Structures are given as structure tokens and as C-alpha cells.
C-alpha atoms as a PDB file:
ATOM      1  CA  MET A   1    -122.096  -7.993   2.157  1.00  0.00           C
ATOM      2  CA  SER A   2    -122.349  -8.800   5.853  1.00  0.00           C
ATOM      3  CA  THR A   3    -124.903 -11.277   7.163  1.00  0.00           C
ATOM      4  CA  GLU A   4    -126.699  -8.576   9.150  1.00  0.00           C
ATOM      5  CA  LEU A   5    -126.999  -6.319   6.101  1.00  0.00           C
ATOM      6  CA  LYS A   6    -128.313  -9.225   4.021  1.00  0.00           C
ATOM      7  CA  GLN A   7    -130.954  -9.953   6.648  1.00  0.00           C
ATOM      8  CA  LYS A   8    -132.082  -6.298   6.715  1.00  0.00           C
ATOM      9  CA  THR A   9    -132.244  -6.212   2.916  1.00  0.00           C
ATOM     10  CA  THR A  10    -134.245  -9.435   2.832  1.00  0.00           C
ATOM     11  CA  LYS A  11    -136.699  -8.122   5.430  1.00  0.00           C
ATOM     12  CA  LYS A  12    -137.140  -4.877   3.521  1.00  0.00           C
ATOM     13  CA  GLU A  13    -137.733  -6.705   0.234  1.00  0.00           C
ATOM     14  CA  GLY A  14    -140.148  -9.059   1.961  1.00  0.00           C
ATOM     15  CA  PHE A  15    -142.120  -6.134   3.399  1.00  0.00           C
ATOM     16  CA  LEU A  16    -142.280  -4.359   0.037  1.00  0.00           C
ATOM     17  CA  SER A  17    -143.378  -7.548  -1.694  1.00  0.00           C
ATOM     18  CA  HIS A  18    -146.295  -8.081   0.689  1.00  0.00           C
ATOM     19  CA  PRO A  19    -149.576  -8.080  -1.329  1.00  0.00           C
ATOM     20  CA  ALA A  20    -151.196  -5.417   0.865  1.00  0.00           C
ATOM     21  CA  VAL A  21    -148.181  -3.099   0.547  1.00  0.00           C
ATOM     22  CA  LYS A  22    -147.973  -3.626  -3.212  1.00  0.00           C
ATOM     23  CA  GLU A  23    -151.712  -2.982  -3.576  1.00  0.00           C
ATOM     24  CA  PHE A  24    -151.528   0.232  -1.542  1.00  0.00           C
ATOM     25  CA  THR A  25    -148.470   1.445  -3.477  1.00  0.00           C
ATOM     26  CA  PHE A  26    -150.190   0.743  -6.794  1.00  0.00           C
ATOM     27  CA  SER A  27    -153.368   2.551  -5.691  1.00  0.00           C
ATOM     28  CA  ALA A  28    -151.371   5.516  -4.359  1.00  0.00           C
ATOM     29  CA  LYS A  29    -149.560   5.879  -7.690  1.00  0.00           C
ATOM     30  CA  ARG A  30    -152.874   5.791  -9.560  1.00  0.00           C
ATOM     31  CA  PHE A  31    -154.295   8.352  -7.142  1.00  0.00           C
ATOM     32  CA  LEU A  32    -151.427  10.780  -7.749  1.00  0.00           C
ATOM     33  CA  LYS A  33    -151.758  10.342 -11.528  1.00  0.00           C
ATOM     34  CA  ASN A  34    -155.455  11.227 -11.467  1.00  0.00           C
ATOM     35  CA  PRO A  35    -155.938  14.919 -12.446  1.00  0.00           C
ATOM     36  CA  LEU A  36    -159.075  15.222 -10.309  1.00  0.00           C
ATOM     37  CA  SER A  37    -157.237  13.976  -7.232  1.00  0.00           C
ATOM     38  CA  ILE A  38    -154.394  16.454  -7.792  1.00  0.00           C
ATOM     39  CA  ILE A  39    -156.806  19.382  -8.129  1.00  0.00           C
ATOM     40  CA  GLY A  40    -158.872  18.333  -5.103  1.00  0.00           C
ATOM     41  CA  LEU A  41    -155.801  17.629  -2.990  1.00  0.00           C
ATOM     42  CA  THR A  42    -154.282  20.990  -3.915  1.00  0.00           C
ATOM     43  CA  ILE A  43    -157.441  22.863  -2.929  1.00  0.00           C
ATOM     44  CA  ILE A  44    -157.701  21.054   0.416  1.00  0.00           C
ATOM     45  CA  LEU A  45    -153.991  21.561   1.155  1.00  0.00           C
ATOM     46  CA  ILE A  46    -154.352  25.298   0.536  1.00  0.00           C
ATOM     47  CA  PHE A  47    -157.258  25.474   2.969  1.00  0.00           C
ATOM     48  CA  ALA A  48    -155.350  23.333   5.470  1.00  0.00           C
ATOM     49  CA  LEU A  49    -152.345  25.682   5.330  1.00  0.00           C
ATOM     50  CA  ILE A  50    -154.631  28.682   5.817  1.00  0.00           C
ATOM     51  CA  ALA A  51    -156.192  27.017   8.871  1.00  0.00           C
ATOM     52  CA  ILE A  52    -152.804  26.052  10.343  1.00  0.00           C
ATOM     53  CA  PHE A  53    -151.230  29.476   9.872  1.00  0.00           C
ATOM     54  CA  ALA A  54    -154.349  31.494  10.719  1.00  0.00           C
ATOM     55  CA  PRO A  55    -152.689  33.199  13.741  1.00  0.00           C
ATOM     56  CA  VAL A  56    -149.883  34.365  11.439  1.00  0.00           C
ATOM     57  CA  LEU A  57    -152.035  35.379   8.477  1.00  0.00           C
ATOM     58  CA  ALA A  58    -154.616  37.188  10.639  1.00  0.00           C
ATOM     59  CA  PRO A  59    -153.346  37.855  14.183  1.00  0.00           C
ATOM     60  CA  PRO A  60    -156.329  37.955  16.560  1.00  0.00           C
ATOM     61  CA  GLU A  61    -157.021  40.977  18.702  1.00  0.00           C
ATOM     62  CA  ASP A  62    -158.366  38.759  21.480  1.00  0.00           C
ATOM     63  CA  PRO A  63    -156.258  35.574  21.873  1.00  0.00           C
ATOM     64  CA  TYR A  64    -158.957  34.051  24.089  1.00  0.00           C
ATOM     65  CA  ASP A  65    -161.602  34.411  21.373  1.00  0.00           C
ATOM     66  CA  PRO A  66    -159.796  34.479  18.018  1.00  0.00           C
ATOM     67  CA  PHE A  67    -162.942  33.587  16.060  1.00  0.00           C
ATOM     68  CA  LYS A  68    -164.483  36.972  16.838  1.00  0.00           C
ATOM     69  CA  ILE A  69    -163.971  39.104  13.738  1.00  0.00           C
ATOM     70  CA  PRO A  70    -162.465  42.527  14.528  1.00  0.00           C
ATOM     71  CA  HIS A  71    -164.353  45.515  13.176  1.00  0.00           C
ATOM     72  CA  ASP A  72    -163.222  49.034  12.421  1.00  0.00           C
ATOM     73  CA  GLY A  73    -166.152  51.208  13.453  1.00  0.00           C
ATOM     74  CA  TRP A  74    -169.938  50.886  13.321  1.00  0.00           C
ATOM     75  CA  LYS A  75    -170.670  52.101   9.814  1.00  0.00           C
ATOM     76  CA  THR A  76    -173.683  50.228   8.449  1.00  0.00           C
ATOM     77  CA  ALA A  77    -172.720  50.010   4.779  1.00  0.00           C
ATOM     78  CA  PRO A  78    -169.817  47.753   3.740  1.00  0.00           C
ATOM     79  CA  SER A  79    -166.540  49.314   2.649  1.00  0.00           C
ATOM     80  CA  PRO A  80    -164.659  48.370  -0.536  1.00  0.00           C
ATOM     81  CA  PRO A  81    -161.218  46.728  -0.498  1.00  0.00           C
ATOM     82  CA  SER A  82    -158.431  48.881   0.853  1.00  0.00           C
ATOM     83  CA  PRO A  83    -154.835  48.413   2.095  1.00  0.00           C
ATOM     84  CA  GLU A  84    -156.141  47.935   5.641  1.00  0.00           C
ATOM     85  CA  HIS A  85    -158.870  45.518   4.499  1.00  0.00           C
ATOM     86  CA  PRO A  86    -157.728  43.762   1.278  1.00  0.00           C
ATOM     87  CA  LEU A  87    -161.089  42.020   0.736  1.00  0.00           C
ATOM     88  CA  GLY A  88    -163.213  44.864   2.069  1.00  0.00           C
ATOM     89  CA  THR A  89    -165.520  44.893   5.069  1.00  0.00           C
ATOM     90  CA  MET A  90    -169.052  43.759   5.822  1.00  0.00           C
ATOM     91  CA  GLU A  91    -171.641  45.851   7.627  1.00  0.00           C
ATOM     92  CA  GLN A  92    -170.386  47.293  10.907  1.00  0.00           C
ATOM     93  CA  GLN A  93    -166.939  47.129   9.267  1.00  0.00           C
ATOM     94  CA  TYR A  94    -166.177  43.493  10.059  1.00  0.00           C
ATOM     95  CA  ASP A  95    -163.054  42.485   8.135  1.00  0.00           C
ATOM     96  CA  ILE A  96    -163.861  39.919   5.422  1.00  0.00           C
ATOM     97  CA  LEU A  97    -160.303  38.573   5.084  1.00  0.00           C
ATOM     98  CA  TYR A  98    -160.092  37.828   8.802  1.00  0.00           C
ATOM     99  CA  GLY A  99    -163.441  36.035   8.691  1.00  0.00           C
ATOM    100  CA  ILE A 100    -162.357  33.936   5.696  1.00  0.00           C
ATOM    101  CA  ILE A 101    -159.069  32.883   7.318  1.00  0.00           C
ATOM    102  CA  TRP A 102    -160.447  31.948  10.732  1.00  0.00           C
ATOM    103  CA  GLY A 103    -163.617  30.602   9.149  1.00  0.00           C
ATOM    104  CA  THR A 104    -161.391  27.970   7.530  1.00  0.00           C
ATOM    105  CA  ARG A 105    -160.670  26.588  10.983  1.00  0.00           C
ATOM    106  CA  SER A 106    -164.382  26.589  11.754  1.00  0.00           C
ATOM    107  CA  ALA A 107    -165.077  24.703   8.509  1.00  0.00           C
ATOM    108  CA  PHE A 108    -162.511  21.991   9.251  1.00  0.00           C
ATOM    109  CA  LYS A 109    -163.781  21.656  12.818  1.00  0.00           C
ATOM    110  CA  ILE A 110    -167.387  21.308  11.670  1.00  0.00           C
ATOM    111  CA  GLY A 111    -166.634  18.945   8.794  1.00  0.00           C
ATOM    112  CA  PHE A 112    -164.227  16.592  10.536  1.00  0.00           C
ATOM    113  CA  PHE A 113    -165.990  16.455  13.892  1.00  0.00           C
ATOM    114  CA  ILE A 114    -169.452  15.764  12.486  1.00  0.00           C
ATOM    115  CA  VAL A 115    -168.323  13.257   9.852  1.00  0.00           C
ATOM    116  CA  MET A 116    -166.002  11.376  12.220  1.00  0.00           C
ATOM    117  CA  ALA A 117    -168.734  11.130  14.856  1.00  0.00           C
ATOM    118  CA  ASN A 118    -171.297   9.944  12.293  1.00  0.00           C
ATOM    119  CA  LEU A 119    -168.787   7.476  10.872  1.00  0.00           C
ATOM    120  CA  PHE A 120    -167.992   6.082  14.327  1.00  0.00           C
ATOM    121  CA  ILE A 121    -171.672   5.573  15.178  1.00  0.00           C
ATOM    122  CA  GLY A 122    -172.455   4.170  11.739  1.00  0.00           C
ATOM    123  CA  ILE A 123    -169.598   1.645  11.804  1.00  0.00           C
ATOM    124  CA  ILE A 124    -170.593   0.322  15.226  1.00  0.00           C
ATOM    125  CA  LEU A 125    -174.324   0.006  14.526  1.00  0.00           C
ATOM    126  CA  GLY A 126    -173.886  -1.153  10.923  1.00  0.00           C
ATOM    127  CA  SER A 127    -171.313  -3.785  11.889  1.00  0.00           C
ATOM    128  CA  LEU A 128    -173.518  -5.227  14.608  1.00  0.00           C
ATOM    129  CA  ALA A 129    -176.628  -5.182  12.422  1.00  0.00           C
ATOM    130  CA  GLY A 130    -174.926  -6.685   9.383  1.00  0.00           C
ATOM    131  CA  TYR A 131    -172.968  -9.374  11.209  1.00  0.00           C
ATOM    132  CA  PHE A 132    -175.526 -10.645  13.721  1.00  0.00           C
ATOM    133  CA  GLY A 133    -178.722  -9.960  11.756  1.00  0.00           C
ATOM    134  CA  GLY A 134    -182.016 -11.159  13.238  1.00  0.00           C
ATOM    135  CA  TRP A 135    -183.988  -9.021  15.653  1.00  0.00           C
ATOM    136  CA  PHE A 136    -180.995  -6.778  16.341  1.00  0.00           C
ATOM    137  CA  ASP A 137    -180.759  -5.917  12.659  1.00  0.00           C
ATOM    138  CA  GLU A 138    -184.513  -5.292  12.482  1.00  0.00           C
ATOM    139  CA  ILE A 139    -184.457  -2.819  15.370  1.00  0.00           C
ATOM    140  CA  ILE A 140    -181.497  -0.829  14.039  1.00  0.00           C
ATOM    141  CA  MET A 141    -182.836  -0.739  10.485  1.00  0.00           C
ATOM    142  CA  ARG A 142    -186.312   0.348  11.528  1.00  0.00           C
ATOM    143  CA  ILE A 143    -184.812   3.193  13.561  1.00  0.00           C
ATOM    144  CA  THR A 144    -182.679   4.070  10.532  1.00  0.00           C
ATOM    145  CA  ASP A 145    -185.786   4.118   8.318  1.00  0.00           C
ATOM    146  CA  MET A 146    -187.466   6.476  10.782  1.00  0.00           C
ATOM    147  CA  PHE A 147    -184.584   8.924  10.470  1.00  0.00           C
ATOM    148  CA  TYR A 148    -184.655   8.636   6.668  1.00  0.00           C
ATOM    149  CA  ALA A 149    -188.378   9.454   6.671  1.00  0.00           C
ATOM    150  CA  LEU A 150    -187.714  12.834   8.309  1.00  0.00           C
ATOM    151  CA  PRO A 151    -186.852  15.824   6.087  1.00  0.00           C
ATOM    152  CA  PHE A 152    -183.262  16.492   7.114  1.00  0.00           C
ATOM    153  CA  LEU A 153    -183.102  20.276   6.878  1.00  0.00           C
ATOM    154  CA  VAL A 154    -186.508  20.859   8.465  1.00  0.00           C
ATOM    155  CA  MET A 155    -185.720  18.491  11.326  1.00  0.00           C
ATOM    156  CA  ALA A 156    -182.298  20.067  11.798  1.00  0.00           C
ATOM    157  CA  MET A 157    -183.851  23.525  12.026  1.00  0.00           C
ATOM    158  CA  ALA A 158    -186.419  22.346  14.566  1.00  0.00           C
ATOM    159  CA  LEU A 159    -183.828  20.647  16.778  1.00  0.00           C
ATOM    160  CA  VAL A 160    -181.441  23.605  16.678  1.00  0.00           C
ATOM    161  CA  VAL A 161    -184.273  25.915  17.736  1.00  0.00           C
ATOM    162  CA  ALA A 162    -185.159  23.493  20.544  1.00  0.00           C
ATOM    163  CA  ILE A 163    -181.562  23.157  21.767  1.00  0.00           C
ATOM    164  CA  GLY A 164    -180.614  26.770  21.286  1.00  0.00           C
ATOM    165  CA  ARG A 165    -179.020  28.807  18.525  1.00  0.00           C
ATOM    166  CA  GLY A 166    -175.284  28.358  18.056  1.00  0.00           C
ATOM    167  CA  LEU A 167    -172.584  26.518  16.172  1.00  0.00           C
ATOM    168  CA  GLN A 168    -172.309  23.860  18.877  1.00  0.00           C
ATOM    169  CA  SER A 169    -176.033  23.149  18.566  1.00  0.00           C
ATOM    170  CA  ILE A 170    -175.664  22.706  14.801  1.00  0.00           C
ATOM    171  CA  ILE A 171    -172.837  20.205  15.330  1.00  0.00           C
ATOM    172  CA  ILE A 172    -174.870  18.209  17.879  1.00  0.00           C
ATOM    173  CA  VAL A 173    -177.977  18.134  15.665  1.00  0.00           C
ATOM    174  CA  MET A 174    -176.068  17.053  12.555  1.00  0.00           C
ATOM    175  CA  ILE A 175    -174.434  14.227  14.521  1.00  0.00           C
ATOM    176  CA  ILE A 176    -177.879  13.097  15.713  1.00  0.00           C
ATOM    177  CA  LEU A 177    -179.314  13.104  12.185  1.00  0.00           C
ATOM    178  CA  GLY A 178    -176.321  12.081  10.072  1.00  0.00           C
ATOM    179  CA  TRP A 179    -175.367   8.551  11.170  1.00  0.00           C
ATOM    180  CA  PRO A 180    -178.027   6.475   9.268  1.00  0.00           C
ATOM    181  CA  THR A 181    -176.240   6.803   5.900  1.00  0.00           C
ATOM    182  CA  TYR A 182    -173.056   5.182   7.190  1.00  0.00           C
ATOM    183  CA  THR A 183    -174.984   2.567   9.162  1.00  0.00           C
ATOM    184  CA  ARG A 184    -176.872   1.365   6.109  1.00  0.00           C
ATOM    185  CA  MET A 185    -173.768   1.352   3.909  1.00  0.00           C
ATOM    186  CA  ILE A 186    -171.559  -0.629   6.283  1.00  0.00           C
ATOM    187  CA  ARG A 187    -174.410  -3.052   7.014  1.00  0.00           C
ATOM    188  CA  GLY A 188    -174.824  -3.821   3.324  1.00  0.00           C
ATOM    189  CA  GLU A 189    -171.089  -4.348   2.855  1.00  0.00           C
ATOM    190  CA  ILE A 190    -170.861  -6.685   5.847  1.00  0.00           C
ATOM    191  CA  MET A 191    -173.903  -8.727   4.827  1.00  0.00           C
ATOM    192  CA  ALA A 192    -172.187  -9.383   1.497  1.00  0.00           C
ATOM    193  CA  LEU A 193    -169.061 -10.646   3.289  1.00  0.00           C
ATOM    194  CA  ARG A 194    -170.252 -12.506   6.372  1.00  0.00           C
ATOM    195  CA  ASP A 195    -170.863 -15.801   4.511  1.00  0.00           C
ATOM    196  CA  LYS A 196    -167.601 -15.783   2.570  1.00  0.00           C
ATOM    197  CA  ASP A 197    -165.204 -18.714   2.975  1.00  0.00           C
ATOM    198  CA  PHE A 198    -162.529 -16.794   4.892  1.00  0.00           C
ATOM    199  CA  ILE A 199    -165.132 -15.608   7.434  1.00  0.00           C
ATOM    200  CA  LEU A 200    -166.488 -19.135   7.885  1.00  0.00           C
ATOM    201  CA  ALA A 201    -162.919 -20.401   8.280  1.00  0.00           C
ATOM    202  CA  ALA A 202    -162.265 -17.821  11.008  1.00  0.00           C
ATOM    203  CA  LYS A 203    -165.432 -18.916  12.825  1.00  0.00           C
ATOM    204  CA  ALA A 204    -164.433 -22.562  12.517  1.00  0.00           C
ATOM    205  CA  GLY A 205    -161.042 -21.689  13.955  1.00  0.00           C
ATOM    206  CA  GLY A 206    -162.690 -20.402  17.130  1.00  0.00           C
ATOM    207  CA  ALA A 207    -162.265 -16.667  16.512  1.00  0.00           C
ATOM    208  CA  LYS A 208    -164.646 -14.481  18.477  1.00  0.00           C
ATOM    209  CA  SER A 209    -167.188 -12.258  16.759  1.00  0.00           C
ATOM    210  CA  LEU A 210    -165.468  -9.005  17.731  1.00  0.00           C
ATOM    211  CA  ARG A 211    -162.146 -10.216  16.349  1.00  0.00           C
ATOM    212  CA  ILE A 212    -163.761 -11.367  13.104  1.00  0.00           C
ATOM    213  CA  ILE A 213    -165.459  -7.999  12.620  1.00  0.00           C
ATOM    214  CA  ILE A 214    -162.338  -5.944  13.372  1.00  0.00           C
ATOM    215  CA  GLN A 215    -159.664  -8.074  11.685  1.00  0.00           C
ATOM    216  CA  HIS A 216    -161.482  -9.688   8.775  1.00  0.00           C
ATOM    217  CA  ILE A 217    -164.713  -7.916   7.871  1.00  0.00           C
ATOM    218  CA  LEU A 218    -164.101  -4.193   8.369  1.00  0.00           C
ATOM    219  CA  PRO A 219    -160.777  -4.064   6.432  1.00  0.00           C
ATOM    220  CA  ASN A 220    -162.603  -5.547   3.435  1.00  0.00           C
ATOM    221  CA  SER A 221    -165.770  -3.463   3.651  1.00  0.00           C
ATOM    222  CA  ILE A 222    -164.839  -0.010   4.886  1.00  0.00           C
ATOM    223  CA  TYR A 223    -163.396   1.480   1.656  1.00  0.00           C
ATOM    224  CA  SER A 224    -166.688   2.690   0.225  1.00  0.00           C
ATOM    225  CA  VAL A 225    -167.789   4.155   3.558  1.00  0.00           C
ATOM    226  CA  LEU A 226    -164.536   6.106   3.974  1.00  0.00           C
ATOM    227  CA  ILE A 227    -164.828   7.463   0.446  1.00  0.00           C
ATOM    228  CA  VAL A 228    -168.394   8.646   1.078  1.00  0.00           C
ATOM    229  CA  ALA A 229    -167.237  10.181   4.368  1.00  0.00           C
ATOM    230  CA  SER A 230    -164.524  12.174   2.579  1.00  0.00           C
ATOM    231  CA  MET A 231    -167.080  13.502   0.107  1.00  0.00           C
ATOM    232  CA  ASN A 232    -169.547  14.311   2.899  1.00  0.00           C
ATOM    233  CA  ILE A 233    -167.098  16.628   4.670  1.00  0.00           C
ATOM    234  CA  GLY A 234    -167.781  19.336   2.093  1.00  0.00           C
ATOM    235  CA  THR A 235    -171.513  18.640   2.083  1.00  0.00           C
ATOM    236  CA  THR A 236    -171.604  18.826   5.877  1.00  0.00           C
ATOM    237  CA  VAL A 237    -169.916  22.229   5.865  1.00  0.00           C
ATOM    238  CA  LEU A 238    -172.393  23.388   3.218  1.00  0.00           C
ATOM    239  CA  THR A 239    -175.373  22.251   5.322  1.00  0.00           C
ATOM    240  CA  ALA A 240    -173.969  23.911   8.443  1.00  0.00           C
ATOM    241  CA  ALA A 241    -173.460  27.109   6.434  1.00  0.00           C
ATOM    242  CA  ALA A 242    -177.087  26.922   5.281  1.00  0.00           C
ATOM    243  CA  LEU A 243    -178.291  26.655   8.876  1.00  0.00           C
ATOM    244  CA  SER A 244    -176.083  29.595   9.853  1.00  0.00           C
ATOM    245  CA  PHE A 245    -177.442  31.567   6.903  1.00  0.00           C
ATOM    246  CA  LEU A 246    -180.962  30.951   8.200  1.00  0.00           C
ATOM    247  CA  GLY A 247    -179.985  32.594  11.484  1.00  0.00           C
ATOM    248  CA  LEU A 248    -179.475  29.446  13.563  1.00  0.00           C
ATOM    249  CA  GLY A 249    -175.688  29.599  13.817  1.00  0.00           C
ATOM    250  CA  SER A 250    -173.351  31.718  15.862  1.00  0.00           C
ATOM    251  CA  GLU A 251    -173.845  35.365  16.671  1.00  0.00           C
ATOM    252  CA  SER A 252    -172.997  38.139  14.209  1.00  0.00           C
ATOM    253  CA  GLY A 253    -169.310  38.807  13.779  1.00  0.00           C
ATOM    254  CA  TYR A 254    -168.215  35.196  14.268  1.00  0.00           C
ATOM    255  CA  ALA A 255    -165.717  33.683  11.825  1.00  0.00           C
ATOM    256  CA  ASP A 256    -168.137  31.282  10.192  1.00  0.00           C
ATOM    257  CA  TRP A 257    -168.643  31.397   6.431  1.00  0.00           C
ATOM    258  CA  GLY A 258    -172.383  30.754   6.614  1.00  0.00           C
ATOM    259  CA  GLN A 259    -172.805  33.478   9.213  1.00  0.00           C
ATOM    260  CA  MET A 260    -170.797  35.865   7.035  1.00  0.00           C
ATOM    261  CA  VAL A 261    -173.103  35.253   4.069  1.00  0.00           C
ATOM    262  CA  SER A 262    -176.088  35.782   6.371  1.00  0.00           C
ATOM    263  CA  MET A 263    -174.679  39.133   7.518  1.00  0.00           C
ATOM    264  CA  CYS A 264    -174.182  40.208   3.902  1.00  0.00           C
ATOM    265  CA  ARG A 265    -177.526  39.131   2.435  1.00  0.00           C
ATOM    266  CA  ASP A 266    -178.976  42.641   2.792  1.00  0.00           C
ATOM    267  CA  TRP A 267    -176.203  43.911   0.501  1.00  0.00           C
ATOM    268  CA  ILE A 268    -176.612  41.491  -2.397  1.00  0.00           C
ATOM    269  CA  VAL A 269    -178.078  44.349  -4.408  1.00  0.00           C
ATOM    270  CA  GLY A 270    -176.548  47.807  -4.127  1.00  0.00           C
ATOM    271  CA  PRO A 271    -178.209  51.225  -4.417  1.00  0.00           C
ATOM    272  CA  PRO A 272    -180.223  52.080  -7.569  1.00  0.00           C
ATOM    273  CA  ASP A 273    -177.339  53.957  -9.178  1.00  0.00           C
ATOM    274  CA  ASN A 274    -174.935  50.986  -8.789  1.00  0.00           C
ATOM    275  CA  ARG A 275    -176.541  47.598  -8.169  1.00  0.00           C
ATOM    276  CA  LEU A 276    -173.161  45.819  -8.015  1.00  0.00           C
ATOM    277  CA  ALA A 277    -171.561  48.220  -5.556  1.00  0.00           C
ATOM    278  CA  TYR A 278    -171.268  45.583  -2.820  1.00  0.00           C
ATOM    279  CA  TRP A 279    -170.789  42.446  -4.939  1.00  0.00           C
ATOM    280  CA  TYR A 280    -167.686  41.405  -2.962  1.00  0.00           C
ATOM    281  CA  VAL A 281    -169.414  41.010   0.418  1.00  0.00           C
ATOM    282  CA  VAL A 282    -171.481  38.004  -0.707  1.00  0.00           C
ATOM    283  CA  PHE A 283    -169.251  36.709  -3.483  1.00  0.00           C
ATOM    284  CA  THR A 284    -166.128  36.249  -1.342  1.00  0.00           C
ATOM    285  CA  PRO A 285    -167.491  33.952   1.409  1.00  0.00           C
ATOM    286  CA  GLY A 286    -169.763  32.210  -1.103  1.00  0.00           C
ATOM    287  CA  PHE A 287    -166.838  31.513  -3.433  1.00  0.00           C
ATOM    288  CA  VAL A 288    -164.743  30.156  -0.546  1.00  0.00           C
ATOM    289  CA  ILE A 289    -167.549  27.791   0.511  1.00  0.00           C
ATOM    290  CA  ALA A 290    -167.918  26.575  -3.076  1.00  0.00           C
ATOM    291  CA  MET A 291    -164.170  25.922  -3.420  1.00  0.00           C
ATOM    292  CA  PHE A 292    -164.009  24.058  -0.104  1.00  0.00           C
ATOM    293  CA  VAL A 293    -166.904  21.796  -1.092  1.00  0.00           C
ATOM    294  CA  LEU A 294    -165.477  21.318  -4.594  1.00  0.00           C
ATOM    295  CA  GLY A 295    -162.094  20.264  -3.194  1.00  0.00           C
ATOM    296  CA  TRP A 296    -163.581  17.535  -1.015  1.00  0.00           C
ATOM    297  CA  ASN A 297    -165.906  16.341  -3.778  1.00  0.00           C
ATOM    298  CA  LEU A 298    -163.049  16.030  -6.274  1.00  0.00           C
ATOM    299  CA  LEU A 299    -160.867  14.298  -3.699  1.00  0.00           C
ATOM    300  CA  GLY A 300    -163.577  11.823  -2.724  1.00  0.00           C
ATOM    301  CA  ASP A 301    -164.559  11.127  -6.324  1.00  0.00           C
ATOM    302  CA  ALA A 302    -160.954  10.450  -7.317  1.00  0.00           C
ATOM    303  CA  ALA A 303    -160.412   8.261  -4.266  1.00  0.00           C
ATOM    304  CA  ARG A 304    -163.475   6.215  -5.212  1.00  0.00           C
ATOM    305  CA  ASP A 305    -162.146   5.630  -8.717  1.00  0.00           C
ATOM    306  CA  VAL A 306    -158.711   4.596  -7.433  1.00  0.00           C
ATOM    307  CA  PHE A 307    -159.209   2.793  -4.127  1.00  0.00           C
ATOM    308  CA  ASP A 308    -162.647   1.209  -4.401  1.00  0.00           C
ATOM    309  CA  PRO A 309    -162.068  -2.410  -5.544  1.00  0.00           C
ATOM    310  CA  LYS A 310    -165.411  -2.496  -7.400  1.00  0.00           C
ATOM    311  CA  MET A 311    -164.558   0.599  -9.434  1.00  0.00           C
ATOM    312  CA  ARG A 312    -161.048  -0.769 -10.113  1.00  0.00           C
ATOM    313  CA  ARG A 313    -162.456  -3.994 -11.513  1.00  0.00           C
ATOM    314  CA  LYS A 314    -164.724  -2.015 -13.817  1.00  0.00           C
END
């Protein structure tokens, strides 16, 4: 074996034998062996593929506004499934299948954007409060307590009405109200670590506070927050759907699952001779919402069992 090949082999073996790499590999294997993680991951991957290939699965009539559900006439009553509309239509003949497919993109946009924004704000404020403490911690925590004292859904409804009805308003309001959970979690994790020996050694070595937080504290305290964030993606979509159902979301005919359920609520019960005549108009978007939330909950719960060091020790 040549010297160069030996060096490459040694480097590769050294990389694979690194404790962090071995720990991640071990956790990843446990994650893939967990039945809950496989089920949750499969559900989310199916939704992700639907969102990615939405233009192929349901070609939009208007490429500039693909989230507008096409409708086939102005008939008030929904129509049952047919070859042209495999899942049937809602009132005013809006196609349910099209709304489900493009609503998947809306769900991912709502879930990821809100959770990532809340996570970003929470990590910054929680890191500063937990690491520095003192009056800075008191101010941030008292503001956090104020937000916790407000009923979330009622406050969200009031702010959306004040800003103006629409999906963008719901996203803005949920970002404003959603960061305290992550702030409190990351603060607690950092307060448990800031007096550890390796942190004190970094301070004694002259490392600056920002470097200590980024390189030493956050990598050891962010697992639980990321797991909660993954579980909150489904919950966030469910809350946004609830606000849309209450009439605070986008206009009628928009590919948003909550808005679709809102449009169909007058058809939950059919005519006296057949009460279940229009069961599909509410069941279909409601079932899709439930599966989306279930997928993220299973994925987050399995990730907690596998990756969280506290759960692993137990």
C-alpha cells in the first residue's frame, strides 16, 4: 500500500473514531430502529414529496397565483368524487384534491417559518439571559412571564384582527407570541451548564463570552430545544388552521387546510334524507391536518428518546 493511500486511510479511520462522530452514528442507528421514528419520518416524507411535486400533481391554472384553488362552476352544494375531481368538490365547486396538494406547501411554509423564527429569537434571548444573568435575565424573564400570562389563542385572534385578516398576519402574530417557550427552555439549559468545569476553563483561557456561548454552551444545551421545535411544527400548523377556521385566515378558495375546513363547515351535516351526504368535504382536509400533526409528533417524540442525552441515560 502506498504512503499516500495509508495516510488517507488513517485520516478516514481517525475521523470515524472521533467521539462526536461515533455518538452521532450510534444515535442515528437507534433513530432508524425506532418504529415511531420510521412511521413519523415516512409520513413527513410523503407530505414533503407532495409539496415538492405539487406543480406536477396539480398543475395550476394561474402560475402567478398557484395557491388559488380552481373551481368548476358556482354551484353551492358540494359535488361527490368523480374522474375530474377524485376527492370531490367543496361549495362553489372548488377542487378538494388541488387544495390538499397545494395546501401542503402552505403547511410547510407556516410550520417551518414560524418555528424557525421563534427558535432564532428564543436562542438569542435565552442564551443571553442564562449566561449573563443579573438584571438582564430579570428583564427578559419578566417579559416572558407577561407573554405566558396572556391566553394564546385569544391574544392571537385579537392581534390578527388588529393587523388585518390573512395568512401573513397569522404568521406574524404567531412569531410575536411563540418565542417565550424556547427562551425559557434554552435559559434553563444554559444556567445548568455555565458553571461547569469546561466553561470555567474556557473563561480562564481568555475566551470571549460570544465564543463560549456558540462553541461550548449551545452545542451541549440545544438538543432538547430542537426536539421541542420539531414537535411544535405540527402544533403550529394546527393553531394556524384553527385561526383560519375562525375566519381570520386567507380568503375563500385559497389552498390552506384550515380555510378549506372553514368553507366546508356548513356541510358537516347533509340534508334530512342523508345526513352523511357530504362527509368527504370536512373529513378529507381534517384527516390531512391530523396526519401532518401526527407525523411531526411521532418524529419529535422518537428524536427525544434517541438524541436527548437525559433520555438516553434513563
